């Protein structure tokens, strides 16, 4: 899974280098930084928690072709959301558009 995340980080950086919009470039760079950290290390923010969450089922699907994740989203990400709320990393709607490299 760590190698998958590193490949994903490289891909995000390549896409960032080709991005014509500054917002897209920044979003892709954030994805790359998150993928460099998770899943090898514990998430430090909601964005990293979401990115890690996204990587696992993607990697498992590629490896095993299974569907479903079987977890409660609020139970897994609630603590990260609470931690980031009221800080400069306050999520608002940002993480939902930031954790995937797809447009």
N, C-alpha and C. Protein backbone atom coordinates (compact mmCIF):
# COMPACT_ATOMS: atom_id res chain seq x y z
N UNK A 1 0.83 -1.19 0.00
CA UNK A 1 0.00 0.00 0.00
C UNK A 1 0.87 1.26 0.00
N UNK A 2 2.00 1.20 0.69
CA UNK A 2 2.90 2.36 0.73
C UNK A 2 3.44 2.65 -0.67
N UNK A 3 3.82 1.63 -1.39
CA UNK A 3 4.30 1.84 -2.76
C UNK A 3 3.20 2.41 -3.65
N UNK A 4 1.98 1.96 -3.46
CA UNK A 4 0.85 2.49 -4.21
C UNK A 4 0.69 3.98 -3.92
N UNK A 5 0.78 4.36 -2.65
CA UNK A 5 0.65 5.77 -2.26
C UNK A 5 1.77 6.60 -2.87
N UNK A 6 2.97 6.08 -2.88
CA UNK A 6 4.11 6.81 -3.48
C UNK A 6 3.93 7.00 -4.98
N UNK A 7 3.43 5.97 -5.64
CA UNK A 7 3.14 6.12 -7.08
C UNK A 7 2.06 7.17 -7.30
N UNK A 8 1.07 7.17 -6.43
CA UNK A 8 -0.02 8.14 -6.51
C UNK A 8 0.52 9.56 -6.29
N UNK A 9 1.46 9.71 -5.35
CA UNK A 9 2.09 11.02 -5.10
C UNK A 9 2.86 11.49 -6.33
N UNK A 10 3.61 10.59 -6.94
CA UNK A 10 4.35 10.95 -8.17
C UNK A 10 3.40 11.38 -9.27
N UNK A 11 2.32 10.64 -9.43
CA UNK A 11 1.34 10.98 -10.45
C UNK A 11 0.72 12.35 -10.18
N UNK A 12 0.40 12.63 -8.93
CA UNK A 12 -0.19 13.92 -8.58
C UNK A 12 0.80 15.05 -8.88
N UNK A 13 2.08 14.84 -8.60
CA UNK A 13 3.09 15.87 -8.90
C UNK A 13 3.24 16.08 -10.41
N UNK A 14 3.19 15.01 -11.15
CA UNK A 14 3.26 15.14 -12.61
C UNK A 14 2.07 15.93 -13.14
N UNK A 15 0.90 15.62 -12.62
CA UNK A 15 -0.30 16.33 -13.03
C UNK A 15 -0.23 17.80 -12.60
N UNK A 16 0.33 18.06 -11.42
CA UNK A 16 0.46 19.44 -10.93
C UNK A 16 1.38 20.24 -11.85
N UNK A 17 2.44 19.61 -12.31
CA UNK A 17 3.39 20.30 -13.19
C UNK A 17 2.73 20.70 -14.51
N UNK A 18 1.73 19.95 -14.93
CA UNK A 18 1.04 20.24 -16.19
C UNK A 18 -0.23 21.07 -16.00
N UNK A 19 -0.62 21.31 -14.77
CA UNK A 19 -1.89 22.00 -14.49
C UNK A 19 -1.83 23.44 -14.98
N UNK A 20 -2.89 23.87 -15.63
CA UNK A 20 -2.95 25.24 -16.14
C UNK A 20 -3.54 26.20 -15.11
N UNK A 21 -4.30 25.69 -14.17
CA UNK A 21 -4.93 26.51 -13.15
C UNK A 21 -4.14 26.40 -11.84
N UNK A 22 -3.90 27.53 -11.20
CA UNK A 22 -3.16 27.54 -9.93
C UNK A 22 -3.88 26.72 -8.86
N UNK A 23 -5.21 26.80 -8.80
CA UNK A 23 -5.97 26.05 -7.80
C UNK A 23 -5.79 24.54 -8.01
N UNK A 24 -5.81 24.10 -9.26
CA UNK A 24 -5.59 22.68 -9.55
C UNK A 24 -4.18 22.26 -9.16
N UNK A 25 -3.20 23.10 -9.46
CA UNK A 25 -1.81 22.79 -9.12
C UNK A 25 -1.65 22.64 -7.61
N UNK A 26 -2.23 23.57 -6.85
CA UNK A 26 -2.14 23.50 -5.39
C UNK A 26 -2.83 22.26 -4.83
N UNK A 27 -4.00 21.95 -5.37
CA UNK A 27 -4.74 20.77 -4.90
C UNK A 27 -3.94 19.50 -5.16
N UNK A 28 -3.36 19.39 -6.32
CA UNK A 28 -2.57 18.21 -6.66
C UNK A 28 -1.30 18.12 -5.82
N UNK A 29 -0.69 19.25 -5.51
CA UNK A 29 0.48 19.24 -4.63
C UNK A 29 0.09 18.80 -3.22
N UNK A 30 -1.08 19.24 -2.74
CA UNK A 30 -1.56 18.79 -1.43
C UNK A 30 -1.77 17.28 -1.41
N UNK A 31 -2.30 16.75 -2.49
CA UNK A 31 -2.51 15.31 -2.61
C UNK A 31 -1.16 14.59 -2.56
N UNK A 32 -0.18 15.12 -3.28
CA UNK A 32 1.15 14.50 -3.31
C UNK A 32 1.77 14.48 -1.91
N UNK A 33 1.68 15.60 -1.20
CA UNK A 33 2.24 15.67 0.16
C UNK A 33 1.53 14.67 1.07
N UNK A 34 0.21 14.60 0.96
CA UNK A 34 -0.55 13.65 1.79
C UNK A 34 -0.15 12.21 1.47
N UNK A 35 0.00 11.90 0.21
CA UNK A 35 0.36 10.52 -0.18
C UNK A 35 1.79 10.17 0.19
N UNK A 36 2.65 11.18 0.31
CA UNK A 36 4.00 10.93 0.80
C UNK A 36 3.98 10.53 2.28
N UNK A 37 2.97 11.00 3.01
CA UNK A 37 2.90 10.76 4.46
C UNK A 37 2.06 9.53 4.82
N UNK A 38 0.85 9.46 4.29
CA UNK A 38 -0.03 8.33 4.59
C UNK A 38 0.01 7.36 3.41
N UNK A 39 -0.21 6.12 3.60
CA UNK A 39 -0.61 5.39 4.79
C UNK A 39 0.57 4.89 5.62
N UNK A 40 1.78 5.25 5.25
CA UNK A 40 2.94 4.78 6.01
C UNK A 40 2.97 5.35 7.43
N UNK A 41 2.43 6.57 7.58
CA UNK A 41 2.39 7.25 8.88
C UNK A 41 0.95 7.59 9.22
N UNK A 42 0.66 7.83 10.51
CA UNK A 42 -0.72 8.19 10.87
C UNK A 42 -1.08 9.57 10.35
N UNK A 43 -2.33 9.75 9.93
CA UNK A 43 -2.76 11.06 9.42
C UNK A 43 -2.62 12.15 10.48
N UNK A 44 -2.25 13.35 10.00
CA UNK A 44 -2.11 14.52 10.88
C UNK A 44 -3.25 15.50 10.68
N UNK A 45 -4.10 15.24 9.69
CA UNK A 45 -5.18 16.17 9.37
C UNK A 45 -6.32 15.39 8.72
N UNK A 46 -7.43 16.08 8.56
CA UNK A 46 -8.58 15.47 7.88
C UNK A 46 -8.22 15.12 6.44
N UNK A 47 -7.54 16.01 5.76
CA UNK A 47 -7.15 15.73 4.37
C UNK A 47 -6.33 14.45 4.29
N UNK A 48 -5.34 14.29 5.17
CA UNK A 48 -4.52 13.08 5.15
C UNK A 48 -5.34 11.85 5.53
N UNK A 49 -6.26 11.98 6.47
CA UNK A 49 -7.12 10.86 6.84
C UNK A 49 -7.99 10.44 5.66
N UNK A 50 -8.56 11.41 4.98
CA UNK A 50 -9.39 11.11 3.81
C UNK A 50 -8.56 10.50 2.69
N UNK A 51 -7.37 11.03 2.47
CA UNK A 51 -6.52 10.49 1.42
C UNK A 51 -6.15 9.05 1.71
N UNK A 52 -5.81 8.77 2.96
CA UNK A 52 -5.48 7.41 3.35
C UNK A 52 -6.68 6.49 3.15
N UNK A 53 -7.84 6.97 3.55
CA UNK A 53 -9.09 6.22 3.39
C UNK A 53 -9.35 5.91 1.91
N UNK A 54 -9.08 6.88 1.06
CA UNK A 54 -9.27 6.71 -0.38
C UNK A 54 -8.27 5.69 -0.94
N UNK A 55 -7.03 5.73 -0.47
CA UNK A 55 -6.00 4.86 -1.02
C UNK A 55 -6.27 3.39 -0.74
N UNK A 56 -6.72 3.08 0.47
CA UNK A 56 -6.90 1.67 0.83
C UNK A 56 -7.92 0.94 -0.05
N UNK A 57 -9.14 1.44 -0.16
CA UNK A 57 -10.07 0.70 -1.02
C UNK A 57 -9.64 0.71 -2.49
N UNK A 58 -8.97 1.78 -2.93
CA UNK A 58 -8.48 1.80 -4.31
C UNK A 58 -7.44 0.71 -4.52
N UNK A 59 -6.49 0.63 -3.59
CA UNK A 59 -5.46 -0.40 -3.69
C UNK A 59 -6.03 -1.80 -3.55
N UNK A 60 -6.95 -1.97 -2.62
CA UNK A 60 -7.58 -3.28 -2.45
C UNK A 60 -8.38 -3.67 -3.69
N UNK A 61 -9.08 -2.72 -4.26
CA UNK A 61 -9.87 -3.03 -5.45
C UNK A 61 -8.95 -3.48 -6.59
N UNK A 62 -7.85 -2.77 -6.75
CA UNK A 62 -6.89 -3.15 -7.79
C UNK A 62 -6.33 -4.54 -7.51
N UNK A 63 -5.98 -4.77 -6.25
CA UNK A 63 -5.35 -6.05 -5.87
C UNK A 63 -6.34 -7.20 -5.84
N UNK A 64 -7.53 -6.98 -5.28
CA UNK A 64 -8.45 -8.09 -5.03
C UNK A 64 -9.78 -8.00 -5.76
N UNK A 65 -10.05 -6.87 -6.42
CA UNK A 65 -11.31 -6.65 -7.12
C UNK A 65 -12.52 -6.89 -6.22
N UNK A 66 -12.48 -6.33 -5.01
CA UNK A 66 -13.61 -6.43 -4.10
C UNK A 66 -14.29 -5.07 -3.99
N UNK A 67 -15.53 -5.08 -3.52
CA UNK A 67 -16.27 -3.83 -3.35
C UNK A 67 -16.69 -3.68 -1.90
N UNK A 68 -16.91 -2.45 -1.48
CA UNK A 68 -17.38 -2.17 -0.13
C UNK A 68 -16.23 -1.98 0.84
N UNK A 69 -16.47 -1.11 1.84
CA UNK A 69 -15.42 -0.84 2.81
C UNK A 69 -15.84 -1.20 4.23
N UNK A 70 -17.12 -1.22 4.51
CA UNK A 70 -17.62 -1.71 5.79
C UNK A 70 -17.26 -0.90 7.02
N UNK A 71 -17.14 0.41 6.88
CA UNK A 71 -16.87 1.26 8.04
C UNK A 71 -17.82 2.44 8.05
N UNK A 72 -17.99 3.03 9.23
CA UNK A 72 -18.80 4.25 9.35
C UNK A 72 -17.90 5.45 9.17
N UNK A 73 -18.18 6.22 8.14
CA UNK A 73 -17.38 7.38 7.77
C UNK A 73 -17.24 8.35 8.94
N UNK A 74 -18.34 8.63 9.66
CA UNK A 74 -18.29 9.60 10.76
C UNK A 74 -17.43 9.11 11.91
N UNK A 75 -17.43 7.82 12.18
CA UNK A 75 -16.63 7.27 13.27
C UNK A 75 -15.13 7.34 12.95
N UNK A 76 -14.80 7.11 11.70
CA UNK A 76 -13.40 7.11 11.30
C UNK A 76 -12.86 8.53 11.21
N UNK A 77 -13.61 9.45 10.58
CA UNK A 77 -13.09 10.78 10.27
C UNK A 77 -13.55 11.88 11.22
N UNK A 78 -14.52 11.59 12.08
CA UNK A 78 -15.00 12.60 13.03
C UNK A 78 -13.90 13.22 13.87
N UNK A 79 -13.00 12.42 14.47
CA UNK A 79 -11.94 13.02 15.28
C UNK A 79 -11.03 13.97 14.48
N UNK A 80 -10.74 13.62 13.24
CA UNK A 80 -9.90 14.49 12.41
C UNK A 80 -10.64 15.76 12.04
N UNK A 81 -11.93 15.64 11.75
CA UNK A 81 -12.75 16.81 11.43
C UNK A 81 -12.78 17.76 12.62
N UNK A 82 -13.01 17.22 13.82
CA UNK A 82 -13.06 18.04 15.02
C UNK A 82 -11.71 18.72 15.27
N UNK A 83 -10.62 17.98 15.09
CA UNK A 83 -9.29 18.54 15.31
C UNK A 83 -9.00 19.69 14.35
N UNK A 84 -9.40 19.56 13.10
CA UNK A 84 -9.11 20.59 12.10
C UNK A 84 -10.07 21.77 12.16
N UNK A 85 -11.26 21.58 12.73
CA UNK A 85 -12.25 22.66 12.80
C UNK A 85 -11.71 23.80 13.65
N UNK A 86 -11.91 25.01 13.15
CA UNK A 86 -11.47 26.18 13.89
C UNK A 86 -9.99 26.47 13.75
N UNK A 87 -9.31 25.78 12.87
CA UNK A 87 -7.89 26.03 12.62
C UNK A 87 -7.74 26.48 11.18
N UNK A 88 -6.51 26.81 10.80
CA UNK A 88 -6.27 27.19 9.41
C UNK A 88 -6.54 26.03 8.46
N UNK A 89 -6.56 24.81 9.00
CA UNK A 89 -6.88 23.64 8.18
C UNK A 89 -8.37 23.33 8.20
N UNK A 90 -9.17 24.25 8.74
CA UNK A 90 -10.61 24.02 8.83
C UNK A 90 -11.13 23.54 7.49
N UNK A 91 -11.77 22.40 7.48
CA UNK A 91 -12.07 21.75 6.22
C UNK A 91 -13.12 22.42 5.34
N UNK A 92 -14.18 22.95 5.93
CA UNK A 92 -15.25 23.43 5.08
C UNK A 92 -15.63 22.35 4.10
N UNK A 93 -15.63 22.66 2.82
CA UNK A 93 -15.93 21.67 1.79
C UNK A 93 -14.66 21.20 1.10
N UNK A 94 -13.54 21.79 1.44
CA UNK A 94 -12.28 21.53 0.74
C UNK A 94 -11.87 20.06 0.65
N UNK A 95 -11.83 19.28 1.73
CA UNK A 95 -11.32 17.91 1.61
C UNK A 95 -12.05 17.05 0.61
N UNK A 96 -13.34 17.28 0.47
CA UNK A 96 -14.10 16.44 -0.44
C UNK A 96 -13.64 16.61 -1.88
N UNK A 97 -13.11 17.79 -2.23
CA UNK A 97 -12.61 17.98 -3.59
C UNK A 97 -11.11 17.83 -3.65
N UNK A 98 -10.44 17.67 -2.51
CA UNK A 98 -8.98 17.65 -2.49
C UNK A 98 -8.37 16.27 -2.40
N UNK A 99 -9.07 15.29 -1.87
CA UNK A 99 -8.38 14.04 -1.58
C UNK A 99 -8.24 13.14 -2.78
N UNK A 100 -8.86 13.44 -3.89
CA UNK A 100 -8.72 12.62 -5.09
C UNK A 100 -8.10 13.45 -6.19
N UNK A 101 -7.27 12.83 -7.01
CA UNK A 101 -6.65 13.57 -8.10
C UNK A 101 -7.58 13.72 -9.29
N UNK A 102 -8.72 13.04 -9.29
CA UNK A 102 -9.64 13.20 -10.40
C UNK A 102 -10.37 14.52 -10.25
N UNK A 103 -10.63 15.19 -11.35
CA UNK A 103 -11.16 16.53 -11.40
C UNK A 103 -12.43 16.72 -10.70
